[in-house]
Amino acid sequence: MSNNSKSVIAIITILLTYPVFTQCSGKENKPLRIMSYNIRNCKGMDNVVDFDRVADVINRAAPDVVALQELDSVTQRYADVYILKELADRTAMHFTFAPAIDFQGGKYGIGILSKEVPLSVKQIPLPGEEERTFLITEFSNYYLCCTHLALEEEARGVSVLTILEAVKDIKKPLILAGDMNAEYGSAEQIALSKKFTILNDHTQNTFPADNPDRCIDFIYGYNNGYSYIVIGGEVLEETIASDHRPLFVDVRIK
C-alpha cells in the first residue's frame, strides 16, 4: 500500500472517530454538586463571626448550588449586615434569600447560593413556635428546595405534608436540602420517604460540629420519574465555622 493511501485511510479513521469522542464528553450528564450548610449566621463554635471562614468552606467544596440555613438580613444583632450577600460576594455565586420571620429591624431565614441564576422562586410558610419557611428555586434542568424545620415534632409533621403538597406537580428533577431537625427513622423522615430518597450518608453525623452525635442535615432526591445516582459525597470535617458540619453530594440525574 502506498504512503498516500495510508494517509487517506488515517484521515478517514479520524473523521469517523471524532463524533463519537465529542458525544462522550460528559457535558450532557455532568453530575451536580449539591451542598447543605446550617451556618448559624457565620458564628463559629469559638463564638467568632467570620464570613470569610464560612465562604472558604464553601469555596473549597466548590458546589454548583448551596442550601443555607440560619441567615440574618440587616438585623441589629449583626450590625445591619446582609449575611447571604456577604457570602455571595465571597463565593462569586448568585443569592436567593427567603425570610421566615421579622427580627430586630430586619429578617431571619434561609437562602440559596447558586452558580446559575434561578428561573423562578417561590416561598411557602411553614409552622413552628419560631415560624419557618420552604424555598423552591427553579433552574434550567432541575429544582433546588431549601428548608429548616421546626424544633417541635408536631410542626415538623405538618411541614412535611406541606412540602409534599407544594412539589407534587413539579416535573423537573428536584433536590431538597436542609436542616430537618429530625434523625433518620423518625416519623418525619418516614413520611418524606414516600416521595423522597435520601442521597447523603445518614450514618455520617452533622451536629454538633465539634463532636457530632446525630445526622439532622439531609439532601434528598424527589421521586417523580427521575433517577438520582450518587457518585460521591461527604460530611466535611469542619469543626469550628458553625455549630453544624457542612455536607455535599455529587449526583447524576437520569
C-alpha atoms as a PDB file:
ATOM      1  CA  MET A   1       0.000   0.000   0.000  1.00  0.00           C
ATOM      2  CA  SER A   2       1.357   3.454  -0.919  1.00  0.00           C
ATOM      3  CA  ASN A   3       2.058   6.169   1.663  1.00  0.00           C
ATOM      4  CA  ASN A   4      -0.698   8.322   0.111  1.00  0.00           C
ATOM      5  CA  SER A   5      -3.245   5.522   0.558  1.00  0.00           C
ATOM      6  CA  LYS A   6      -2.195   5.074   4.165  1.00  0.00           C
ATOM      7  CA  SER A   7      -2.630   8.817   4.784  1.00  0.00           C
ATOM      8  CA  VAL A   8      -6.148   8.819   3.315  1.00  0.00           C
ATOM      9  CA  ILE A   9      -7.164   5.865   5.470  1.00  0.00           C
ATOM     10  CA  ALA A  10      -5.756   7.585   8.570  1.00  0.00           C
ATOM     11  CA  ILE A  11      -7.725  10.788   7.858  1.00  0.00           C
ATOM     12  CA  ILE A  12     -10.957   8.835   7.279  1.00  0.00           C
ATOM     13  CA  THR A  13     -10.420   6.964  10.558  1.00  0.00           C
ATOM     14  CA  ILE A  14     -10.012  10.242  12.465  1.00  0.00           C
ATOM     15  CA  LEU A  15     -13.128  11.742  10.897  1.00  0.00           C
ATOM     16  CA  LEU A  16     -15.209   8.677  11.757  1.00  0.00           C
ATOM     17  CA  THR A  17     -13.916   8.567  15.316  1.00  0.00           C
ATOM     18  CA  TYR A  18     -14.216  12.275  16.166  1.00  0.00           C
ATOM     19  CA  PRO A  19     -18.042  12.489  16.531  1.00  0.00           C
ATOM     20  CA  VAL A  20     -18.038   9.529  18.926  1.00  0.00           C
ATOM     21  CA  PHE A  21     -15.396  11.266  21.061  1.00  0.00           C
ATOM     22  CA  THR A  22     -17.369  14.501  21.300  1.00  0.00           C
ATOM     23  CA  GLN A  23     -20.584  12.715  22.230  1.00  0.00           C
ATOM     24  CA  CYS A  24     -18.811  11.088  25.162  1.00  0.00           C
ATOM     25  CA  SER A  25     -17.548  14.392  26.581  1.00  0.00           C
ATOM     26  CA  GLY A  26     -19.986  14.074  29.528  1.00  0.00           C
ATOM     27  CA  LYS A  27     -21.389  17.592  29.276  1.00  0.00           C
ATOM     28  CA  GLU A  28     -24.974  16.418  28.920  1.00  0.00           C
ATOM     29  CA  ASN A  29     -24.830  14.277  32.039  1.00  0.00           C
ATOM     30  CA  LYS A  30     -22.425  16.195  34.226  1.00  0.00           C
ATOM     31  CA  PRO A  31     -23.019  15.498  37.932  1.00  0.00           C
ATOM     32  CA  LEU A  32     -24.286  18.258  40.191  1.00  0.00           C
ATOM     33  CA  ARG A  33     -22.584  19.014  43.482  1.00  0.00           C
ATOM     34  CA  ILE A  34     -25.318  19.896  45.972  1.00  0.00           C
ATOM     35  CA  MET A  35     -24.292  21.302  49.353  1.00  0.00           C
ATOM     36  CA  SER A  36     -26.267  21.968  52.534  1.00  0.00           C
ATOM     37  CA  TYR A  37     -24.960  24.003  55.455  1.00  0.00           C
ATOM     38  CA  ASN A  38     -26.542  25.466  58.571  1.00  0.00           C
ATOM     39  CA  ILE A  39     -24.110  28.326  59.105  1.00  0.00           C
ATOM     40  CA  ARG A  40     -25.592  29.910  62.280  1.00  0.00           C
ATOM     41  CA  ASN A  41     -25.008  33.362  60.795  1.00  0.00           C
ATOM     42  CA  CYS A  42     -21.306  32.520  60.393  1.00  0.00           C
ATOM     43  CA  LYS A  43     -20.922  32.418  64.180  1.00  0.00           C
ATOM     44  CA  GLY A  44     -18.473  29.632  64.897  1.00  0.00           C
ATOM     45  CA  MET A  45     -18.021  27.280  67.829  1.00  0.00           C
ATOM     46  CA  ASP A  46     -15.487  29.815  69.082  1.00  0.00           C
ATOM     47  CA  ASN A  47     -18.294  32.465  69.089  1.00  0.00           C
ATOM     48  CA  VAL A  48     -16.447  34.457  66.435  1.00  0.00           C
ATOM     49  CA  VAL A  49     -18.498  35.757  63.480  1.00  0.00           C
ATOM     50  CA  ASP A  50     -16.344  35.182  60.416  1.00  0.00           C
ATOM     51  CA  PHE A  51     -17.832  35.450  56.909  1.00  0.00           C
ATOM     52  CA  ASP A  52     -14.510  34.650  55.243  1.00  0.00           C
ATOM     53  CA  ARG A  53     -14.212  31.394  57.154  1.00  0.00           C
ATOM     54  CA  VAL A  54     -17.617  30.109  56.041  1.00  0.00           C
ATOM     55  CA  ALA A  55     -17.050  31.317  52.474  1.00  0.00           C
ATOM     56  CA  ASP A  56     -13.746  29.428  52.420  1.00  0.00           C
ATOM     57  CA  VAL A  57     -15.561  26.227  53.420  1.00  0.00           C
ATOM     58  CA  ILE A  58     -17.982  26.697  50.522  1.00  0.00           C
ATOM     59  CA  ASN A  59     -15.259  27.627  48.043  1.00  0.00           C
ATOM     60  CA  ARG A  60     -13.177  24.577  48.928  1.00  0.00           C
ATOM     61  CA  ALA A  61     -16.169  22.314  48.341  1.00  0.00           C
ATOM     62  CA  ALA A  62     -16.885  24.096  45.019  1.00  0.00           C
ATOM     63  CA  PRO A  63     -20.604  23.230  44.824  1.00  0.00           C
ATOM     64  CA  ASP A  64     -22.971  24.102  41.991  1.00  0.00           C
ATOM     65  CA  VAL A  65     -25.617  25.124  44.498  1.00  0.00           C
ATOM     66  CA  VAL A  66     -25.785  25.516  48.295  1.00  0.00           C
ATOM     67  CA  ALA A  67     -28.794  25.395  50.634  1.00  0.00           C
ATOM     68  CA  LEU A  68     -28.067  27.587  53.671  1.00  0.00           C
ATOM     69  CA  GLN A  69     -29.907  27.907  56.962  1.00  0.00           C
ATOM     70  CA  GLU A  70     -29.891  30.459  59.817  1.00  0.00           C
ATOM     71  CA  LEU A  71     -29.334  33.733  57.994  1.00  0.00           C
ATOM     72  CA  ASP A  72     -29.836  37.247  59.302  1.00  0.00           C
ATOM     73  CA  SER A  73     -30.601  40.057  56.905  1.00  0.00           C
ATOM     74  CA  VAL A  74     -29.862  43.596  58.146  1.00  0.00           C
ATOM     75  CA  THR A  75     -30.742  42.849  61.778  1.00  0.00           C
ATOM     76  CA  GLN A  76     -29.459  44.808  64.745  1.00  0.00           C
ATOM     77  CA  ARG A  77     -27.637  41.841  66.268  1.00  0.00           C
ATOM     78  CA  TYR A  78     -25.416  41.627  63.181  1.00  0.00           C
ATOM     79  CA  ALA A  79     -24.961  45.366  62.652  1.00  0.00           C
ATOM     80  CA  ASP A  80     -27.371  45.551  59.690  1.00  0.00           C
ATOM     81  CA  VAL A  81     -25.246  43.171  57.609  1.00  0.00           C
ATOM     82  CA  TYR A  82     -26.909  41.192  54.794  1.00  0.00           C
ATOM     83  CA  ILE A  83     -25.155  37.928  55.558  1.00  0.00           C
ATOM     84  CA  LEU A  84     -26.225  35.992  52.469  1.00  0.00           C
ATOM     85  CA  LYS A  85     -24.925  38.766  50.223  1.00  0.00           C
ATOM     86  CA  GLU A  86     -21.635  38.789  52.117  1.00  0.00           C
ATOM     87  CA  LEU A  87     -21.244  35.102  51.290  1.00  0.00           C
ATOM     88  CA  ALA A  88     -22.385  35.581  47.699  1.00  0.00           C
ATOM     89  CA  ASP A  89     -19.725  38.242  47.186  1.00  0.00           C
ATOM     90  CA  ARG A  90     -17.039  35.950  48.602  1.00  0.00           C
ATOM     91  CA  THR A  91     -18.069  32.885  46.592  1.00  0.00           C
ATOM     92  CA  ALA A  92     -18.972  34.630  43.317  1.00  0.00           C
ATOM     93  CA  MET A  93     -22.399  32.986  43.339  1.00  0.00           C
ATOM     94  CA  HIS A  94     -25.954  34.257  42.890  1.00  0.00           C
ATOM     95  CA  PHE A  95     -28.057  34.505  46.048  1.00  0.00           C
ATOM     96  CA  THR A  96     -31.726  33.944  46.857  1.00  0.00           C
ATOM     97  CA  PHE A  97     -32.994  34.850  50.323  1.00  0.00           C
ATOM     98  CA  ALA A  98     -36.211  33.585  51.918  1.00  0.00           C
ATOM     99  CA  PRO A  99     -37.179  35.357  55.154  1.00  0.00           C
ATOM    100  CA  ALA A 100     -39.067  33.329  57.741  1.00  0.00           C
ATOM    101  CA  ILE A 101     -39.606  35.988  60.410  1.00  0.00           C
ATOM    102  CA  ASP A 102     -39.124  39.680  61.107  1.00  0.00           C
ATOM    103  CA  PHE A 103     -36.312  40.137  63.609  1.00  0.00           C
ATOM    104  CA  GLN A 104     -34.593  43.159  65.172  1.00  0.00           C
ATOM    105  CA  GLY A 105     -35.343  45.555  62.346  1.00  0.00           C
ATOM    106  CA  GLY A 106     -34.555  43.036  59.608  1.00  0.00           C
ATOM    107  CA  LYS A 107     -35.324  39.466  58.590  1.00  0.00           C
ATOM    108  CA  TYR A 108     -34.197  35.970  59.554  1.00  0.00           C
ATOM    109  CA  GLY A 109     -34.493  32.928  57.347  1.00  0.00           C
ATOM    110  CA  ILE A 110     -32.807  30.652  54.817  1.00  0.00           C
ATOM    111  CA  GLY A 111     -31.222  31.028  51.410  1.00  0.00           C
ATOM    112  CA  ILE A 112     -29.546  29.539  48.373  1.00  0.00           C
ATOM    113  CA  LEU A 113     -26.265  30.291  46.628  1.00  0.00           C
ATOM    114  CA  SER A 114     -26.047  29.102  43.035  1.00  0.00           C
ATOM    115  CA  LYS A 115     -23.763  29.306  40.025  1.00  0.00           C
ATOM    116  CA  GLU A 116     -26.831  29.622  37.820  1.00  0.00           C
ATOM    117  CA  VAL A 117     -29.413  32.414  38.063  1.00  0.00           C
ATOM    118  CA  PRO A 118     -32.776  30.936  39.146  1.00  0.00           C
ATOM    119  CA  LEU A 119     -35.561  30.938  36.567  1.00  0.00           C
ATOM    120  CA  SER A 120     -38.231  31.215  39.254  1.00  0.00           C
ATOM    121  CA  VAL A 121     -38.505  31.449  43.027  1.00  0.00           C
ATOM    122  CA  LYS A 122     -41.351  30.507  45.348  1.00  0.00           C
ATOM    123  CA  GLN A 123     -41.625  30.662  49.110  1.00  0.00           C
ATOM    124  CA  ILE A 124     -44.136  28.819  51.321  1.00  0.00           C
ATOM    125  CA  PRO A 125     -44.535  29.444  55.084  1.00  0.00           C
ATOM    126  CA  LEU A 126     -44.114  26.538  57.483  1.00  0.00           C
ATOM    127  CA  PRO A 127     -45.259  26.292  61.119  1.00  0.00           C
ATOM    128  CA  GLY A 128     -43.267  26.352  64.331  1.00  0.00           C
ATOM    129  CA  GLU A 129     -43.009  28.224  67.594  1.00  0.00           C
ATOM    130  CA  GLU A 130     -40.496  30.193  65.558  1.00  0.00           C
ATOM    131  CA  GLU A 131     -42.046  30.284  62.078  1.00  0.00           C
ATOM    132  CA  ARG A 132     -40.148  28.544  59.292  1.00  0.00           C
ATOM    133  CA  THR A 133     -40.215  28.632  55.502  1.00  0.00           C
ATOM    134  CA  PHE A 134     -39.802  26.458  52.409  1.00  0.00           C
ATOM    135  CA  LEU A 135     -37.848  27.894  49.459  1.00  0.00           C
ATOM    136  CA  ILE A 136     -38.319  26.494  45.942  1.00  0.00           C
ATOM    137  CA  THR A 137     -35.888  27.652  43.250  1.00  0.00           C
ATOM    138  CA  GLU A 138     -36.101  26.562  39.631  1.00  0.00           C
ATOM    139  CA  PHE A 139     -33.025  26.220  37.423  1.00  0.00           C
ATOM    140  CA  SER A 140     -32.739  25.204  33.788  1.00  0.00           C
ATOM    141  CA  ASN A 141     -32.526  21.456  34.411  1.00  0.00           C
ATOM    142  CA  TYR A 142     -33.708  20.967  37.989  1.00  0.00           C
ATOM    143  CA  TYR A 143     -35.234  22.470  41.112  1.00  0.00           C
ATOM    144  CA  LEU A 144     -33.484  23.005  44.436  1.00  0.00           C
ATOM    145  CA  CYS A 145     -35.572  23.367  47.583  1.00  0.00           C
ATOM    146  CA  CYS A 146     -34.224  24.528  50.924  1.00  0.00           C
ATOM    147  CA  THR A 147     -35.767  24.409  54.376  1.00  0.00           C
ATOM    148  CA  HIS A 148     -35.062  24.445  58.108  1.00  0.00           C
ATOM    149  CA  LEU A 149     -37.759  22.581  60.007  1.00  0.00           C
ATOM    150  CA  ALA A 150     -39.013  23.454  63.475  1.00  0.00           C
ATOM    151  CA  LEU A 151     -37.787  22.070  66.773  1.00  0.00           C
ATOM    152  CA  GLU A 152     -41.306  20.848  67.647  1.00  0.00           C
ATOM    153  CA  GLU A 153     -42.268  17.411  66.326  1.00  0.00           C
ATOM    154  CA  GLU A 154     -45.878  18.345  65.548  1.00  0.00           C
ATOM    155  CA  ALA A 155     -44.807  21.358  63.495  1.00  0.00           C
ATOM    156  CA  ARG A 156     -42.290  19.232  61.585  1.00  0.00           C
ATOM    157  CA  GLY A 157     -45.022  16.735  60.739  1.00  0.00           C
ATOM    158  CA  VAL A 158     -47.261  19.455  59.336  1.00  0.00           C
ATOM    159  CA  SER A 159     -44.300  20.899  57.441  1.00  0.00           C
ATOM    160  CA  VAL A 160     -43.585  17.583  55.718  1.00  0.00           C
ATOM    161  CA  LEU A 161     -47.186  17.394  54.497  1.00  0.00           C
ATOM    162  CA  THR A 162     -46.931  20.993  53.259  1.00  0.00           C
ATOM    163  CA  ILE A 163     -43.708  20.223  51.387  1.00  0.00           C
ATOM    164  CA  LEU A 164     -45.154  17.119  49.725  1.00  0.00           C
ATOM    165  CA  GLU A 165     -48.173  19.110  48.574  1.00  0.00           C
ATOM    166  CA  ALA A 166     -46.046  22.013  47.321  1.00  0.00           C
ATOM    167  CA  VAL A 167     -43.890  19.908  44.994  1.00  0.00           C
ATOM    168  CA  LYS A 168     -46.418  17.327  43.775  1.00  0.00           C
ATOM    169  CA  ASP A 169     -46.874  18.868  40.308  1.00  0.00           C
ATOM    170  CA  ILE A 170     -43.211  19.630  39.573  1.00  0.00           C
ATOM    171  CA  LYS A 171     -41.999  17.730  36.509  1.00  0.00           C
ATOM    172  CA  LYS A 172     -38.288  18.525  36.538  1.00  0.00           C
ATOM    173  CA  PRO A 173     -35.806  16.701  38.767  1.00  0.00           C
ATOM    174  CA  LEU A 174     -35.952  18.165  42.268  1.00  0.00           C
ATOM    175  CA  ILE A 175     -33.461  18.201  45.136  1.00  0.00           C
ATOM    176  CA  LEU A 176     -34.463  19.053  48.718  1.00  0.00           C
ATOM    177  CA  ALA A 177     -31.760  20.056  51.207  1.00  0.00           C
ATOM    178  CA  GLY A 178     -31.636  21.499  54.668  1.00  0.00           C
ATOM    179  CA  ASP A 179     -31.592  21.189  58.436  1.00  0.00           C
ATOM    180  CA  MET A 180     -34.517  18.881  59.154  1.00  0.00           C
ATOM    181  CA  ASN A 181     -34.135  18.763  62.950  1.00  0.00           C
ATOM    182  CA  ALA A 182     -35.123  15.094  62.635  1.00  0.00           C
ATOM    183  CA  GLU A 183     -32.947  11.995  62.538  1.00  0.00           C
ATOM    184  CA  TYR A 184     -33.103   9.040  60.189  1.00  0.00           C
ATOM    185  CA  GLY A 185     -36.009   6.746  61.074  1.00  0.00           C
ATOM    186  CA  SER A 186     -38.092   9.493  62.691  1.00  0.00           C
ATOM    187  CA  ALA A 187     -41.773   9.917  61.826  1.00  0.00           C
ATOM    188  CA  GLU A 188     -40.937  12.932  59.649  1.00  0.00           C
ATOM    189  CA  GLN A 189     -38.267  11.060  57.709  1.00  0.00           C
ATOM    190  CA  ILE A 190     -40.594   8.102  57.177  1.00  0.00           C
ATOM    191  CA  ALA A 191     -43.283  10.443  55.839  1.00  0.00           C
ATOM    192  CA  LEU A 192     -40.801  12.110  53.479  1.00  0.00           C
ATOM    193  CA  SER A 193     -39.570   8.732  52.227  1.00  0.00           C
ATOM    194  CA  LYS A 194     -42.896   8.167  50.470  1.00  0.00           C
ATOM    195  CA  LYS A 195     -41.714  10.578  47.749  1.00  0.00           C
ATOM    196  CA  PHE A 196     -38.082  11.424  48.574  1.00  0.00           C
ATOM    197  CA  THR A 197     -34.900   9.347  48.647  1.00  0.00           C
ATOM    198  CA  ILE A 198     -32.054  10.322  50.974  1.00  0.00           C
ATOM    199  CA  LEU A 199     -28.903  10.978  48.927  1.00  0.00           C
ATOM    200  CA  ASN A 200     -26.368  11.649  51.690  1.00  0.00           C
ATOM    201  CA  ASP A 201     -24.971   9.014  54.042  1.00  0.00           C
ATOM    202  CA  HIS A 202     -27.170   9.367  57.127  1.00  0.00           C
ATOM    203  CA  THR A 203     -24.611   7.460  59.228  1.00  0.00           C
ATOM    204  CA  GLN A 204     -22.237  10.432  58.915  1.00  0.00           C
ATOM    205  CA  ASN A 205     -23.258  12.773  61.732  1.00  0.00           C
ATOM    206  CA  THR A 206     -23.592  16.520  61.229  1.00  0.00           C
ATOM    207  CA  PHE A 207     -24.391  18.011  64.662  1.00  0.00           C
ATOM    208  CA  PRO A 208     -22.873  19.377  66.857  1.00  0.00           C
ATOM    209  CA  ALA A 209     -19.889  20.323  64.743  1.00  0.00           C
ATOM    210  CA  ASP A 210     -17.175  19.769  67.339  1.00  0.00           C
ATOM    211  CA  ASN A 211     -18.364  16.282  68.338  1.00  0.00           C
ATOM    212  CA  PRO A 212     -21.279  15.226  66.098  1.00  0.00           C
ATOM    213  CA  ASP A 213     -23.552  12.526  67.507  1.00  0.00           C
ATOM    214  CA  ARG A 214     -26.515  12.745  65.104  1.00  0.00           C
ATOM    215  CA  CYS A 215     -27.386  13.472  61.486  1.00  0.00           C
ATOM    216  CA  ILE A 216     -30.112  16.086  61.133  1.00  0.00           C
ATOM    217  CA  ASP A 217     -28.944  17.697  57.879  1.00  0.00           C
ATOM    218  CA  PHE A 218     -30.095  15.940  54.716  1.00  0.00           C
ATOM    219  CA  ILE A 219     -30.132  16.062  50.922  1.00  0.00           C
ATOM    220  CA  TYR A 220     -32.917  14.228  49.069  1.00  0.00           C
ATOM    221  CA  GLY A 221     -33.979  13.430  45.517  1.00  0.00           C
ATOM    222  CA  TYR A 222     -37.666  13.701  44.650  1.00  0.00           C
ATOM    223  CA  ASN A 223     -39.148  10.563  43.119  1.00  0.00           C
ATOM    224  CA  ASN A 224     -41.097  11.961  40.165  1.00  0.00           C
ATOM    225  CA  GLY A 225     -39.736   9.689  37.464  1.00  0.00           C
ATOM    226  CA  TYR A 226     -36.030  10.542  37.624  1.00  0.00           C
ATOM    227  CA  SER A 227     -33.101   8.565  38.983  1.00  0.00           C
ATOM    228  CA  TYR A 228     -30.568  10.231  41.282  1.00  0.00           C
ATOM    229  CA  ILE A 229     -27.259   8.419  41.045  1.00  0.00           C
ATOM    230  CA  VAL A 230     -24.899   9.414  43.855  1.00  0.00           C
ATOM    231  CA  ILE A 231     -21.303   9.191  42.678  1.00  0.00           C
ATOM    232  CA  GLY A 232     -19.701  10.852  45.699  1.00  0.00           C
ATOM    233  CA  GLY A 233     -20.274  12.979  48.759  1.00  0.00           C
ATOM    234  CA  GLU A 234     -19.267  13.542  52.347  1.00  0.00           C
ATOM    235  CA  VAL A 235     -19.797  15.413  55.568  1.00  0.00           C
ATOM    236  CA  LEU A 236     -16.880  17.820  55.777  1.00  0.00           C
ATOM    237  CA  GLU A 237     -14.769  17.677  58.898  1.00  0.00           C
ATOM    238  CA  GLU A 238     -15.249  21.363  59.682  1.00  0.00           C
ATOM    239  CA  THR A 239     -15.418  21.725  63.461  1.00  0.00           C
ATOM    240  CA  ILE A 240     -15.248  25.496  64.026  1.00  0.00           C
ATOM    241  CA  ALA A 241     -17.009  27.634  61.387  1.00  0.00           C
ATOM    242  CA  SER A 242     -20.573  26.797  62.544  1.00  0.00           C
ATOM    243  CA  ASP A 243     -22.344  24.526  65.025  1.00  0.00           C
ATOM    244  CA  HIS A 244     -23.298  22.195  62.119  1.00  0.00           C
ATOM    245  CA  ARG A 245     -20.948  20.423  59.748  1.00  0.00           C
ATOM    246  CA  PRO A 246     -21.493  21.025  56.027  1.00  0.00           C
ATOM    247  CA  LEU A 247     -22.314  18.160  53.687  1.00  0.00           C
ATOM    248  CA  PHE A 248     -22.479  17.668  49.936  1.00  0.00           C
ATOM    249  CA  VAL A 249     -23.359  15.017  47.387  1.00  0.00           C
ATOM    250  CA  ASP A 250     -22.337  14.612  43.771  1.00  0.00           C
ATOM    251  CA  VAL A 251     -25.384  13.364  41.915  1.00  0.00           C
ATOM    252  CA  ARG A 252     -26.021  12.447  38.312  1.00  0.00           C
ATOM    253  CA  ILE A 253     -29.678  12.761  37.312  1.00  0.00           C
ATOM    254  CA  LYS A 254     -31.253  10.500  34.685  1.00  0.00           C
END
